[in-house]
């Protein structure tokens, strides 16, 4: 029997989730949103959607919920679902404050529910292609640039865009954060629109991330450097490649590109990865269904969302202190 899922939020992203849920095993029990226009627009999509006028009524009528409301409401809605014993998919950032995430971790444990966080880039095929090749990164560089859009400016660019890369970095670097250096400026919003953060980890890895929401072009790229290899990911084009450097003996007949180093001649090989075109949001919602049915820990669990949010707030604090000084 298909699991019934309730949609909490029918804004821009909520309508995207609504369409994606049509291609999952879930049965949509209905939706809640205080905006009448949101339901008129959903009806224009040709989807017969039952409207609930109170979130708790929808939660009780569902096996689980998909929270795609403004971030400020995430905790209240997720806590409500937890107390009813219902599993939760919740968009990023997981909550508005770190303290709310900590409270949600306690509720998840107390009520035995599953909570998955919508860090969608984990499901990007470009990242998938390199899953088994990442190993132990030594240096990571990321650029996430976007054209200006008034939607989303209620939070800083750190919570709006950079948090995607913070989650990716934390998923790759299995080490505690040692130092954070950050700069950010507000250009058209009351919160930072451009930010650069340098994150140093206890194991020696360094991540240098830049995010901007006032760029003249869109860019979502990540470069990962490890021992004798360089990995490049383009999340927009969904392409990835690996450049490897390996020793070449003088007697070895190698016809490719080589360089001379202090430790001898090295061969450079470039491997392009072809990836299947998939819908990352559908992928993560299908993964949530599997977690709900099989009662297994999601790939992007609540603790992951909490760690990414905590790091984002630490970066924001660094910027705030600079401006105070």
C-alpha atoms as a PDB file:
ATOM      1  CA  UNK A   1       0.000   0.000   0.000  1.00  0.00           C
ATOM      2  CA  UNK A   2       1.428   3.395  -1.050  1.00  0.00           C
ATOM      3  CA  UNK A   3       2.405   5.814   1.663  1.00  0.00           C
ATOM      4  CA  UNK A   4       0.382   9.019   1.903  1.00  0.00           C
ATOM      5  CA  UNK A   5       2.401  12.225   1.947  1.00  0.00           C
ATOM      6  CA  UNK A   6       1.157  15.719   2.804  1.00  0.00           C
ATOM      7  CA  UNK A   7       2.724  18.794   1.218  1.00  0.00           C
ATOM      8  CA  UNK A   8       3.291  21.700   3.600  1.00  0.00           C
ATOM      9  CA  UNK A   9       3.975  24.715   1.393  1.00  0.00           C
ATOM     10  CA  UNK A  10       2.893  25.471  -2.175  1.00  0.00           C
ATOM     11  CA  UNK A  11       5.247  28.281  -3.108  1.00  0.00           C
ATOM     12  CA  UNK A  12       7.724  28.180  -6.005  1.00  0.00           C
ATOM     13  CA  UNK A  13       9.639  25.152  -4.710  1.00  0.00           C
ATOM     14  CA  UNK A  14       6.501  23.561  -3.283  1.00  0.00           C
ATOM     15  CA  UNK A  15       4.939  23.415  -6.749  1.00  0.00           C
ATOM     16  CA  UNK A  16       8.120  21.791  -8.077  1.00  0.00           C
ATOM     17  CA  UNK A  17       7.861  19.177  -5.327  1.00  0.00           C
ATOM     18  CA  UNK A  18       4.177  18.698  -6.169  1.00  0.00           C
ATOM     19  CA  UNK A  19       5.042  17.833  -9.776  1.00  0.00           C
ATOM     20  CA  UNK A  20       7.946  15.593  -8.747  1.00  0.00           C
ATOM     21  CA  UNK A  21       5.821  13.686  -6.235  1.00  0.00           C
ATOM     22  CA  UNK A  22       3.632  12.566  -9.160  1.00  0.00           C
ATOM     23  CA  UNK A  23       6.581  10.434 -10.293  1.00  0.00           C
ATOM     24  CA  UNK A  24       7.177   8.710  -6.952  1.00  0.00           C
ATOM     25  CA  UNK A  25       5.315   5.831  -5.248  1.00  0.00           C
ATOM     26  CA  UNK A  26       3.765   8.322  -2.806  1.00  0.00           C
ATOM     27  CA  UNK A  27       0.057   9.118  -2.794  1.00  0.00           C
ATOM     28  CA  UNK A  28      -0.461  12.832  -2.152  1.00  0.00           C
ATOM     29  CA  UNK A  29      -2.988  13.211   0.663  1.00  0.00           C
ATOM     30  CA  UNK A  30      -3.288  16.970   0.192  1.00  0.00           C
ATOM     31  CA  UNK A  31      -1.554  20.253   0.872  1.00  0.00           C
ATOM     32  CA  UNK A  32      -1.525  23.166   3.277  1.00  0.00           C
ATOM     33  CA  UNK A  33      -0.703  26.762   2.389  1.00  0.00           C
ATOM     34  CA  UNK A  34      -2.371  29.935   3.673  1.00  0.00           C
ATOM     35  CA  UNK A  35      -2.190  31.505   0.186  1.00  0.00           C
ATOM     36  CA  UNK A  36      -5.355  31.000  -1.890  1.00  0.00           C
ATOM     37  CA  UNK A  37      -3.468  31.786  -5.102  1.00  0.00           C
ATOM     38  CA  UNK A  38      -1.112  28.888  -4.503  1.00  0.00           C
ATOM     39  CA  UNK A  39      -3.984  26.409  -4.857  1.00  0.00           C
ATOM     40  CA  UNK A  40      -5.324  28.140  -7.960  1.00  0.00           C
ATOM     41  CA  UNK A  41      -1.889  27.807  -9.557  1.00  0.00           C
ATOM     42  CA  UNK A  42      -1.688  24.148  -8.519  1.00  0.00           C
ATOM     43  CA  UNK A  43      -5.088  23.550 -10.132  1.00  0.00           C
ATOM     44  CA  UNK A  44      -3.709  25.063 -13.349  1.00  0.00           C
ATOM     45  CA  UNK A  45      -1.119  22.280 -13.350  1.00  0.00           C
ATOM     46  CA  UNK A  46      -3.981  19.831 -13.751  1.00  0.00           C
ATOM     47  CA  UNK A  47      -3.436  18.264 -10.322  1.00  0.00           C
ATOM     48  CA  UNK A  48      -6.482  17.457  -8.206  1.00  0.00           C
ATOM     49  CA  UNK A  49      -5.256  18.482  -4.777  1.00  0.00           C
ATOM     50  CA  UNK A  50      -7.203  18.412  -1.517  1.00  0.00           C
ATOM     51  CA  UNK A  51      -6.722  21.570   0.522  1.00  0.00           C
ATOM     52  CA  UNK A  52      -6.287  21.459   4.287  1.00  0.00           C
ATOM     53  CA  UNK A  53      -6.816  24.628   6.293  1.00  0.00           C
ATOM     54  CA  UNK A  54      -4.673  23.626   9.260  1.00  0.00           C
ATOM     55  CA  UNK A  55      -1.286  21.887   9.052  1.00  0.00           C
ATOM     56  CA  UNK A  56      -2.076  19.483  11.881  1.00  0.00           C
ATOM     57  CA  UNK A  57      -5.153  18.191  10.032  1.00  0.00           C
ATOM     58  CA  UNK A  58      -2.977  17.403   7.016  1.00  0.00           C
ATOM     59  CA  UNK A  59      -0.327  15.776   9.199  1.00  0.00           C
ATOM     60  CA  UNK A  60      -2.927  13.508  10.837  1.00  0.00           C
ATOM     61  CA  UNK A  61      -4.300  12.521   7.416  1.00  0.00           C
ATOM     62  CA  UNK A  62      -0.829  11.535   6.144  1.00  0.00           C
ATOM     63  CA  UNK A  63       1.842   8.911   6.798  1.00  0.00           C
ATOM     64  CA  UNK A  64       4.582  11.502   6.317  1.00  0.00           C
ATOM     65  CA  UNK A  65       5.019  15.115   5.235  1.00  0.00           C
ATOM     66  CA  UNK A  66       7.095  17.145   2.782  1.00  0.00           C
ATOM     67  CA  UNK A  67       7.912  20.560   4.279  1.00  0.00           C
ATOM     68  CA  UNK A  68       8.582  23.181   1.604  1.00  0.00           C
ATOM     69  CA  UNK A  69       7.435  26.244   3.538  1.00  0.00           C
ATOM     70  CA  UNK A  70       9.522  29.366   4.258  1.00  0.00           C
ATOM     71  CA  UNK A  71      12.450  28.416   6.518  1.00  0.00           C
ATOM     72  CA  UNK A  72      11.067  30.344   9.480  1.00  0.00           C
ATOM     73  CA  UNK A  73       8.188  27.811   9.710  1.00  0.00           C
ATOM     74  CA  UNK A  74      10.277  24.631   9.278  1.00  0.00           C
ATOM     75  CA  UNK A  75      10.761  23.842  12.950  1.00  0.00           C
ATOM     76  CA  UNK A  76       7.149  24.409  14.003  1.00  0.00           C
ATOM     77  CA  UNK A  77       5.799  22.174  11.230  1.00  0.00           C
ATOM     78  CA  UNK A  78       8.444  19.459  11.660  1.00  0.00           C
ATOM     79  CA  UNK A  79       7.940  19.384  15.437  1.00  0.00           C
ATOM     80  CA  UNK A  80       4.194  19.061  14.906  1.00  0.00           C
ATOM     81  CA  UNK A  81       4.751  16.071  12.590  1.00  0.00           C
ATOM     82  CA  UNK A  82       7.227  14.427  14.970  1.00  0.00           C
ATOM     83  CA  UNK A  83       4.783  14.617  17.866  1.00  0.00           C
ATOM     84  CA  UNK A  84       2.207  12.848  15.684  1.00  0.00           C
ATOM     85  CA  UNK A  85       4.779  10.131  14.904  1.00  0.00           C
ATOM     86  CA  UNK A  86       5.000  11.095  11.208  1.00  0.00           C
ATOM     87  CA  UNK A  87       8.177  10.969   9.095  1.00  0.00           C
ATOM     88  CA  UNK A  88       9.447  14.216   7.632  1.00  0.00           C
ATOM     89  CA  UNK A  89      11.166  15.425   4.479  1.00  0.00           C
ATOM     90  CA  UNK A  90      12.274  19.001   5.080  1.00  0.00           C
ATOM     91  CA  UNK A  91      13.873  21.422   2.629  1.00  0.00           C
ATOM     92  CA  UNK A  92      17.187  23.116   3.341  1.00  0.00           C
ATOM     93  CA  UNK A  93      18.160  24.979   5.411  1.00  0.00           C
ATOM     94  CA  UNK A  94      16.693  22.500   7.877  1.00  0.00           C
ATOM     95  CA  UNK A  95      15.571  25.152  10.397  1.00  0.00           C
ATOM     96  CA  UNK A  96      15.915  28.865  10.987  1.00  0.00           C
ATOM     97  CA  UNK A  97      18.267  28.511  13.975  1.00  0.00           C
ATOM     98  CA  UNK A  98      20.827  25.999  15.206  1.00  0.00           C
ATOM     99  CA  UNK A  99      18.900  25.659  18.479  1.00  0.00           C
ATOM    100  CA  UNK A 100      15.789  24.596  16.559  1.00  0.00           C
ATOM    101  CA  UNK A 101      17.809  21.883  14.794  1.00  0.00           C
ATOM    102  CA  UNK A 102      19.114  20.617  18.120  1.00  0.00           C
ATOM    103  CA  UNK A 103      15.564  20.448  19.455  1.00  0.00           C
ATOM    104  CA  UNK A 104      14.435  18.631  16.310  1.00  0.00           C
ATOM    105  CA  UNK A 105      17.204  16.038  16.786  1.00  0.00           C
ATOM    106  CA  UNK A 106      15.775  15.325  20.233  1.00  0.00           C
ATOM    107  CA  UNK A 107      12.226  15.051  18.864  1.00  0.00           C
ATOM    108  CA  UNK A 108      13.350  12.683  16.091  1.00  0.00           C
ATOM    109  CA  UNK A 109      14.912  10.375  18.659  1.00  0.00           C
ATOM    110  CA  UNK A 110      12.063  10.631  21.162  1.00  0.00           C
ATOM    111  CA  UNK A 111       9.333   9.801  18.634  1.00  0.00           C
ATOM    112  CA  UNK A 112      11.270   7.322  16.479  1.00  0.00           C
ATOM    113  CA  UNK A 113      10.605   9.126  13.210  1.00  0.00           C
ATOM    114  CA  UNK A 114      12.734   9.505  10.087  1.00  0.00           C
ATOM    115  CA  UNK A 115      13.785  12.993   8.994  1.00  0.00           C
ATOM    116  CA  UNK A 116      15.479  13.645   5.645  1.00  0.00           C
ATOM    117  CA  UNK A 117      16.867  17.055   4.654  1.00  0.00           C
ATOM    118  CA  UNK A 118      16.651  18.384   1.094  1.00  0.00           C
ATOM    119  CA  UNK A 119      20.297  18.932   0.231  1.00  0.00           C
ATOM    120  CA  UNK A 120      19.553  18.098  -3.383  1.00  0.00           C
ATOM    121  CA  UNK A 121      23.097  18.346  -4.779  1.00  0.00           C
ATOM    122  CA  UNK A 122      23.906  15.022  -3.118  1.00  0.00           C
ATOM    123  CA  UNK A 123      21.613  13.539  -5.779  1.00  0.00           C
ATOM    124  CA  UNK A 124      23.122  15.447  -8.701  1.00  0.00           C
ATOM    125  CA  UNK A 125      24.390  12.879 -11.243  1.00  0.00           C
ATOM    126  CA  UNK A 126      27.707  14.775 -11.569  1.00  0.00           C
ATOM    127  CA  UNK A 127      28.364  14.145  -7.866  1.00  0.00           C
ATOM    128  CA  UNK A 128      27.059  10.567  -8.081  1.00  0.00           C
ATOM    129  CA  UNK A 129      29.558   9.757 -10.834  1.00  0.00           C
ATOM    130  CA  UNK A 130      32.511  10.493  -8.548  1.00  0.00           C
ATOM    131  CA  UNK A 131      31.108   8.962  -5.339  1.00  0.00           C
ATOM    132  CA  UNK A 132      33.672   6.162  -5.188  1.00  0.00           C
ATOM    133  CA  UNK A 133      36.605   8.294  -6.382  1.00  0.00           C
ATOM    134  CA  UNK A 134      36.623  11.178  -3.902  1.00  0.00           C
ATOM    135  CA  UNK A 135      38.774   9.446  -1.293  1.00  0.00           C
ATOM    136  CA  UNK A 136      40.553  11.899   1.028  1.00  0.00           C
ATOM    137  CA  UNK A 137      40.454  15.450  -0.382  1.00  0.00           C
ATOM    138  CA  UNK A 138      43.308  17.828   0.416  1.00  0.00           C
ATOM    139  CA  UNK A 139      41.820  20.984  -1.098  1.00  0.00           C
ATOM    140  CA  UNK A 140      38.304  21.799  -2.299  1.00  0.00           C
ATOM    141  CA  UNK A 141      37.300  24.873  -4.258  1.00  0.00           C
ATOM    142  CA  UNK A 142      33.689  25.762  -4.986  1.00  0.00           C
ATOM    143  CA  UNK A 143      31.882  28.517  -6.896  1.00  0.00           C
ATOM    144  CA  UNK A 144      28.112  28.850  -6.668  1.00  0.00           C
ATOM    145  CA  UNK A 145      26.971  31.961  -8.534  1.00  0.00           C
ATOM    146  CA  UNK A 146      23.420  32.937  -9.435  1.00  0.00           C
ATOM    147  CA  UNK A 147      21.559  35.728 -11.186  1.00  0.00           C
ATOM    148  CA  UNK A 148      19.743  38.023  -8.791  1.00  0.00           C
ATOM    149  CA  UNK A 149      16.267  36.866  -7.791  1.00  0.00           C
ATOM    150  CA  UNK A 150      14.307  38.656  -5.025  1.00  0.00           C
ATOM    151  CA  UNK A 151      12.933  35.267  -3.953  1.00  0.00           C
ATOM    152  CA  UNK A 152      15.204  33.871  -1.243  1.00  0.00           C
ATOM    153  CA  UNK A 153      16.693  37.166  -0.080  1.00  0.00           C
ATOM    154  CA  UNK A 154      14.999  36.766   3.297  1.00  0.00           C
ATOM    155  CA  UNK A 155      18.155  34.854   4.272  1.00  0.00           C
ATOM    156  CA  UNK A 156      21.829  35.507   3.528  1.00  0.00           C
ATOM    157  CA  UNK A 157      23.564  33.992   0.502  1.00  0.00           C
ATOM    158  CA  UNK A 158      25.245  31.611   2.954  1.00  0.00           C
ATOM    159  CA  UNK A 159      21.928  29.982   3.878  1.00  0.00           C
ATOM    160  CA  UNK A 160      20.459  30.431   0.402  1.00  0.00           C
ATOM    161  CA  UNK A 161      23.285  29.095  -1.806  1.00  0.00           C
ATOM    162  CA  UNK A 162      26.544  28.304   0.000  1.00  0.00           C
ATOM    163  CA  UNK A 163      24.860  25.815   2.322  1.00  0.00           C
ATOM    164  CA  UNK A 164      24.647  23.370  -0.620  1.00  0.00           C
ATOM    165  CA  UNK A 165      28.442  23.298  -0.871  1.00  0.00           C
ATOM    166  CA  UNK A 166      28.882  23.249   2.899  1.00  0.00           C
ATOM    167  CA  UNK A 167      26.847  20.045   2.996  1.00  0.00           C
ATOM    168  CA  UNK A 168      28.844  18.534   0.108  1.00  0.00           C
ATOM    169  CA  UNK A 169      32.168  19.405   1.747  1.00  0.00           C
ATOM    170  CA  UNK A 170      31.113  17.983   5.123  1.00  0.00           C
ATOM    171  CA  UNK A 171      29.963  14.770   3.408  1.00  0.00           C
ATOM    172  CA  UNK A 172      33.420  14.372   1.812  1.00  0.00           C
ATOM    173  CA  UNK A 173      35.773  15.542   4.562  1.00  0.00           C
ATOM    174  CA  UNK A 174      35.491  13.217   7.525  1.00  0.00           C
ATOM    175  CA  UNK A 175      37.105  15.597  10.000  1.00  0.00           C
ATOM    176  CA  UNK A 176      36.223  18.339  12.481  1.00  0.00           C
ATOM    177  CA  UNK A 177      36.404  22.002  11.493  1.00  0.00           C
ATOM    178  CA  UNK A 178      39.518  23.705  12.903  1.00  0.00           C
ATOM    179  CA  UNK A 179      39.363  27.302  11.625  1.00  0.00           C
ATOM    180  CA  UNK A 180      36.984  29.484   9.630  1.00  0.00           C
ATOM    181  CA  UNK A 181      37.864  32.678   7.753  1.00  0.00           C
ATOM    182  CA  UNK A 182      35.035  34.500   5.997  1.00  0.00           C
ATOM    183  CA  UNK A 183      34.102  37.717   4.250  1.00  0.00           C
ATOM    184  CA  UNK A 184      30.703  38.805   3.029  1.00  0.00           C
ATOM    185  CA  UNK A 185      29.051  41.959   1.740  1.00  0.00           C
ATOM    186  CA  UNK A 186      25.504  43.152   1.163  1.00  0.00           C
ATOM    187  CA  UNK A 187      24.901  44.802  -2.192  1.00  0.00           C
ATOM    188  CA  UNK A 188      21.161  44.825  -2.865  1.00  0.00           C
ATOM    189  CA  UNK A 189      19.803  43.021   0.196  1.00  0.00           C
ATOM    190  CA  UNK A 190      19.884  43.570   3.943  1.00  0.00           C
ATOM    191  CA  UNK A 191      21.833  40.315   4.302  1.00  0.00           C
ATOM    192  CA  UNK A 192      25.109  39.293   2.551  1.00  0.00           C
ATOM    193  CA  UNK A 193      24.759  38.771  -1.210  1.00  0.00           C
ATOM    194  CA  UNK A 194      28.377  37.693  -1.777  1.00  0.00           C
ATOM    195  CA  UNK A 195      30.438  35.520   0.535  1.00  0.00           C
ATOM    196  CA  UNK A 196      33.788  33.770   0.536  1.00  0.00           C
ATOM    197  CA  UNK A 197      34.667  31.264   3.231  1.00  0.00           C
ATOM    198  CA  UNK A 198      37.885  29.373   3.894  1.00  0.00           C
ATOM    199  CA  UNK A 199      37.326  26.338   6.088  1.00  0.00           C
ATOM    200  CA  UNK A 200      40.298  24.495   7.566  1.00  0.00           C
ATOM    201  CA  UNK A 201      39.820  20.986   8.938  1.00  0.00           C
ATOM    202  CA  UNK A 202      41.720  19.107  11.631  1.00  0.00           C
ATOM    203  CA  UNK A 203      43.019  16.570   9.073  1.00  0.00           C
ATOM    204  CA  UNK A 204      44.642  19.344   7.000  1.00  0.00           C
ATOM    205  CA  UNK A 205      42.030  19.618   4.249  1.00  0.00           C
ATOM    206  CA  UNK A 206      41.061  23.154   3.216  1.00  0.00           C
ATOM    207  CA  UNK A 207      37.834  24.200   1.487  1.00  0.00           C
ATOM    208  CA  UNK A 208      37.567  27.593  -0.213  1.00  0.00           C
ATOM    209  CA  UNK A 209      33.967  28.415  -1.152  1.00  0.00           C
ATOM    210  CA  UNK A 210      32.467  31.419  -2.921  1.00  0.00           C
ATOM    211  CA  UNK A 211      28.767  32.157  -3.279  1.00  0.00           C
ATOM    212  CA  UNK A 212      27.064  35.082  -4.993  1.00  0.00           C
ATOM    213  CA  UNK A 213      23.464  35.828  -5.894  1.00  0.00           C
ATOM    214  CA  UNK A 214      24.194  38.941  -7.948  1.00  0.00           C
ATOM    215  CA  UNK A 215      26.299  37.364 -10.674  1.00  0.00           C
ATOM    216  CA  UNK A 216      25.901  37.972 -14.406  1.00  0.00           C
ATOM    217  CA  UNK A 217      25.844  34.239 -15.017  1.00  0.00           C
ATOM    218  CA  UNK A 218      24.928  31.034 -13.230  1.00  0.00           C
ATOM    219  CA  UNK A 219      27.732  28.752 -12.088  1.00  0.00           C
ATOM    220  CA  UNK A 220      27.783  25.724  -9.797  1.00  0.00           C
ATOM    221  CA  UNK A 221      31.202  24.118  -9.854  1.00  0.00           C
ATOM    222  CA  UNK A 222      33.289  22.156  -7.397  1.00  0.00           C
ATOM    223  CA  UNK A 223      36.942  21.157  -7.748  1.00  0.00           C
ATOM    224  CA  UNK A 224      38.466  18.511  -5.520  1.00  0.00           C
ATOM    225  CA  UNK A 225      42.229  17.976  -5.235  1.00  0.00           C
ATOM    226  CA  UNK A 226      43.641  14.821  -3.690  1.00  0.00           C
ATOM    227  CA  UNK A 227      46.849  12.801  -3.905  1.00  0.00           C
ATOM    228  CA  UNK A 228      47.833  12.677  -7.610  1.00  0.00           C
ATOM    229  CA  UNK A 229      44.306  13.429  -8.825  1.00  0.00           C
ATOM    230  CA  UNK A 230      41.968  16.337  -9.528  1.00  0.00           C
ATOM    231  CA  UNK A 231      38.194  15.966  -9.755  1.00  0.00           C
ATOM    232  CA  UNK A 232      35.985  18.549 -11.458  1.00  0.00           C
ATOM    233  CA  UNK A 233      32.193  18.734 -11.111  1.00  0.00           C
ATOM    234  CA  UNK A 234      29.782  20.989 -12.965  1.00  0.00           C
ATOM    235  CA  UNK A 235      26.396  20.711 -11.263  1.00  0.00           C
ATOM    236  CA  UNK A 236      24.591  22.765 -13.920  1.00  0.00           C
ATOM    237  CA  UNK A 237      25.753  20.811 -16.970  1.00  0.00           C
ATOM    238  CA  UNK A 238      25.826  17.601 -14.887  1.00  0.00           C
ATOM    239  CA  UNK A 239      29.328  16.782 -16.093  1.00  0.00           C
ATOM    240  CA  UNK A 240      32.323  15.520 -14.182  1.00  0.00           C
ATOM    241  CA  UNK A 241      35.880  14.543 -14.977  1.00  0.00           C
ATOM    242  CA  UNK A 242      38.974  13.229 -13.261  1.00  0.00           C
ATOM    243  CA  UNK A 243      42.564  14.181 -14.044  1.00  0.00           C
ATOM    244  CA  UNK A 244      45.138  11.713 -12.711  1.00  0.00           C
ATOM    245  CA  UNK A 245      48.904  12.049 -12.477  1.00  0.00           C
ATOM    246  CA  UNK A 246      50.970   8.881 -12.352  1.00  0.00           C
ATOM    247  CA  UNK A 247      54.697   8.045 -12.673  1.00  0.00           C
ATOM    248  CA  UNK A 248      56.084   7.044 -16.087  1.00  0.00           C
ATOM    249  CA  UNK A 249      59.302   5.051 -16.340  1.00  0.00           C
ATOM    250  CA  UNK A 250      61.882   5.985 -18.989  1.00  0.00           C
ATOM    251  CA  UNK A 251      61.326   2.647 -20.687  1.00  0.00           C
ATOM    252  CA  UNK A 252      57.556   2.891 -20.666  1.00  0.00           C
ATOM    253  CA  UNK A 253      56.028   3.675 -24.055  1.00  0.00           C
ATOM    254  CA  UNK A 254      53.420   6.295 -23.110  1.00  0.00           C
ATOM    255  CA  UNK A 255      52.012   8.445 -25.918  1.00  0.00           C
ATOM    256  CA  UNK A 256      49.798  10.736 -23.843  1.00  0.00           C
ATOM    257  CA  UNK A 257      50.526  14.038 -22.114  1.00  0.00           C
ATOM    258  CA  UNK A 258      53.474  14.055 -19.688  1.00  0.00           C
ATOM    259  CA  UNK A 259      55.175  16.570 -17.396  1.00  0.00           C
ATOM    260  CA  UNK A 260      58.609  16.576 -15.797  1.00  0.00           C
ATOM    261  CA  UNK A 261      58.564  16.932 -12.005  1.00  0.00           C
ATOM    262  CA  UNK A 262      61.178  16.851  -9.246  1.00  0.00           C
ATOM    263  CA  UNK A 263      60.310  13.206  -8.712  1.00  0.00           C
ATOM    264  CA  UNK A 264      60.490  12.255 -12.380  1.00  0.00           C
ATOM    265  CA  UNK A 265      58.282  12.147 -15.439  1.00  0.00           C
ATOM    266  CA  UNK A 266      54.529  11.925 -14.787  1.00  0.00           C
ATOM    267  CA  UNK A 267      51.674  11.004 -17.105  1.00  0.00           C
ATOM    268  CA  UNK A 268      48.490  13.094 -17.159  1.00  0.00           C
ATOM    269  CA  UNK A 269      45.276  11.290 -18.036  1.00  0.00           C
ATOM    270  CA  UNK A 270      41.829  12.857 -18.303  1.00  0.00           C
ATOM    271  CA  UNK A 271      38.733  10.753 -17.804  1.00  0.00           C
ATOM    272  CA  UNK A 272      35.309  12.149 -18.689  1.00  0.00           C
ATOM    273  CA  UNK A 273      32.264  10.667 -16.980  1.00  0.00           C
ATOM    274  CA  UNK A 274      28.990  10.322 -18.821  1.00  0.00           C
ATOM    275  CA  UNK A 275      26.077  10.630 -16.446  1.00  0.00           C
ATOM    276  CA  UNK A 276      22.429   9.814 -16.888  1.00  0.00           C
ATOM    277  CA  UNK A 277      20.055  12.768 -16.981  1.00  0.00           C
ATOM    278  CA  UNK A 278      17.976  12.439 -13.822  1.00  0.00           C
ATOM    279  CA  UNK A 279      15.722  14.713 -11.794  1.00  0.00           C
ATOM    280  CA  UNK A 280      17.580  15.168  -8.496  1.00  0.00           C
ATOM    281  CA  UNK A 281      14.451  16.221  -6.568  1.00  0.00           C
ATOM    282  CA  UNK A 282      12.601  13.121  -7.736  1.00  0.00           C
ATOM    283  CA  UNK A 283      15.639  11.047  -6.768  1.00  0.00           C
ATOM    284  CA  UNK A 284      15.708  12.403  -3.219  1.00  0.00           C
ATOM    285  CA  UNK A 285      11.936  12.010  -2.791  1.00  0.00           C
ATOM    286  CA  UNK A 286      12.161   8.410  -4.026  1.00  0.00           C
ATOM    287  CA  UNK A 287      14.980   7.877  -1.544  1.00  0.00           C
ATOM    288  CA  UNK A 288      12.770   9.296   1.196  1.00  0.00           C
ATOM    289  CA  UNK A 289      10.033   6.825   0.239  1.00  0.00           C
ATOM    290  CA  UNK A 290      12.522   3.966   0.542  1.00  0.00           C
ATOM    291  CA  UNK A 291      13.622   5.195   3.970  1.00  0.00           C
ATOM    292  CA  UNK A 292      10.008   5.484   5.152  1.00  0.00           C
ATOM    293  CA  UNK A 293       9.042   2.007   3.925  1.00  0.00           C
ATOM    294  CA  UNK A 294      12.223   0.167   4.936  1.00  0.00           C
ATOM    295  CA  UNK A 295      12.824   2.255   8.105  1.00  0.00           C
ATOM    296  CA  UNK A 296      16.424   3.013   7.136  1.00  0.00           C
ATOM    297  CA  UNK A 297      18.545   6.114   7.722  1.00  0.00           C
ATOM    298  CA  UNK A 298      18.339   8.557   4.775  1.00  0.00           C
ATOM    299  CA  UNK A 299      21.413   9.477   2.739  1.00  0.00           C
ATOM    300  CA  UNK A 300      20.974  13.096   3.892  1.00  0.00           C
ATOM    301  CA  UNK A 301      19.745  12.751   7.461  1.00  0.00           C
ATOM    302  CA  UNK A 302      18.810  15.330  10.074  1.00  0.00           C
ATOM    303  CA  UNK A 303      22.291  15.313  11.596  1.00  0.00           C
ATOM    304  CA  UNK A 304      23.746  16.223   8.170  1.00  0.00           C
ATOM    305  CA  UNK A 305      21.325  19.129   7.880  1.00  0.00           C
ATOM    306  CA  UNK A 306      22.186  20.244  11.412  1.00  0.00           C
ATOM    307  CA  UNK A 307      25.940  20.193  10.747  1.00  0.00           C
ATOM    308  CA  UNK A 308      25.596  22.188   7.518  1.00  0.00           C
ATOM    309  CA  UNK A 309      23.361  24.750   9.254  1.00  0.00           C
ATOM    310  CA  UNK A 310      25.751  25.050  12.202  1.00  0.00           C
ATOM    311  CA  UNK A 311      28.713  25.666   9.888  1.00  0.00           C
ATOM    312  CA  UNK A 312      26.698  28.234   7.914  1.00  0.00           C
ATOM    313  CA  UNK A 313      25.887  30.132  11.102  1.00  0.00           C
ATOM    314  CA  UNK A 314      29.541  30.046  12.214  1.00  0.00           C
ATOM    315  CA  UNK A 315      30.500  31.632   8.874  1.00  0.00           C
ATOM    316  CA  UNK A 316      27.768  34.246   9.314  1.00  0.00           C
ATOM    317  CA  UNK A 317      29.059  35.016  12.816  1.00  0.00           C
ATOM    318  CA  UNK A 318      32.564  35.609  11.444  1.00  0.00           C
ATOM    319  CA  UNK A 319      31.178  38.112   8.949  1.00  0.00           C
ATOM    320  CA  UNK A 320      29.016  39.839  11.584  1.00  0.00           C
ATOM    321  CA  UNK A 321      32.006  40.305  13.904  1.00  0.00           C
ATOM    322  CA  UNK A 322      34.023  41.897  11.090  1.00  0.00           C
ATOM    323  CA  UNK A 323      31.248  44.388  10.420  1.00  0.00           C
ATOM    324  CA  UNK A 324      30.961  45.184  14.131  1.00  0.00           C
ATOM    325  CA  UNK A 325      34.680  45.918  14.262  1.00  0.00           C
END
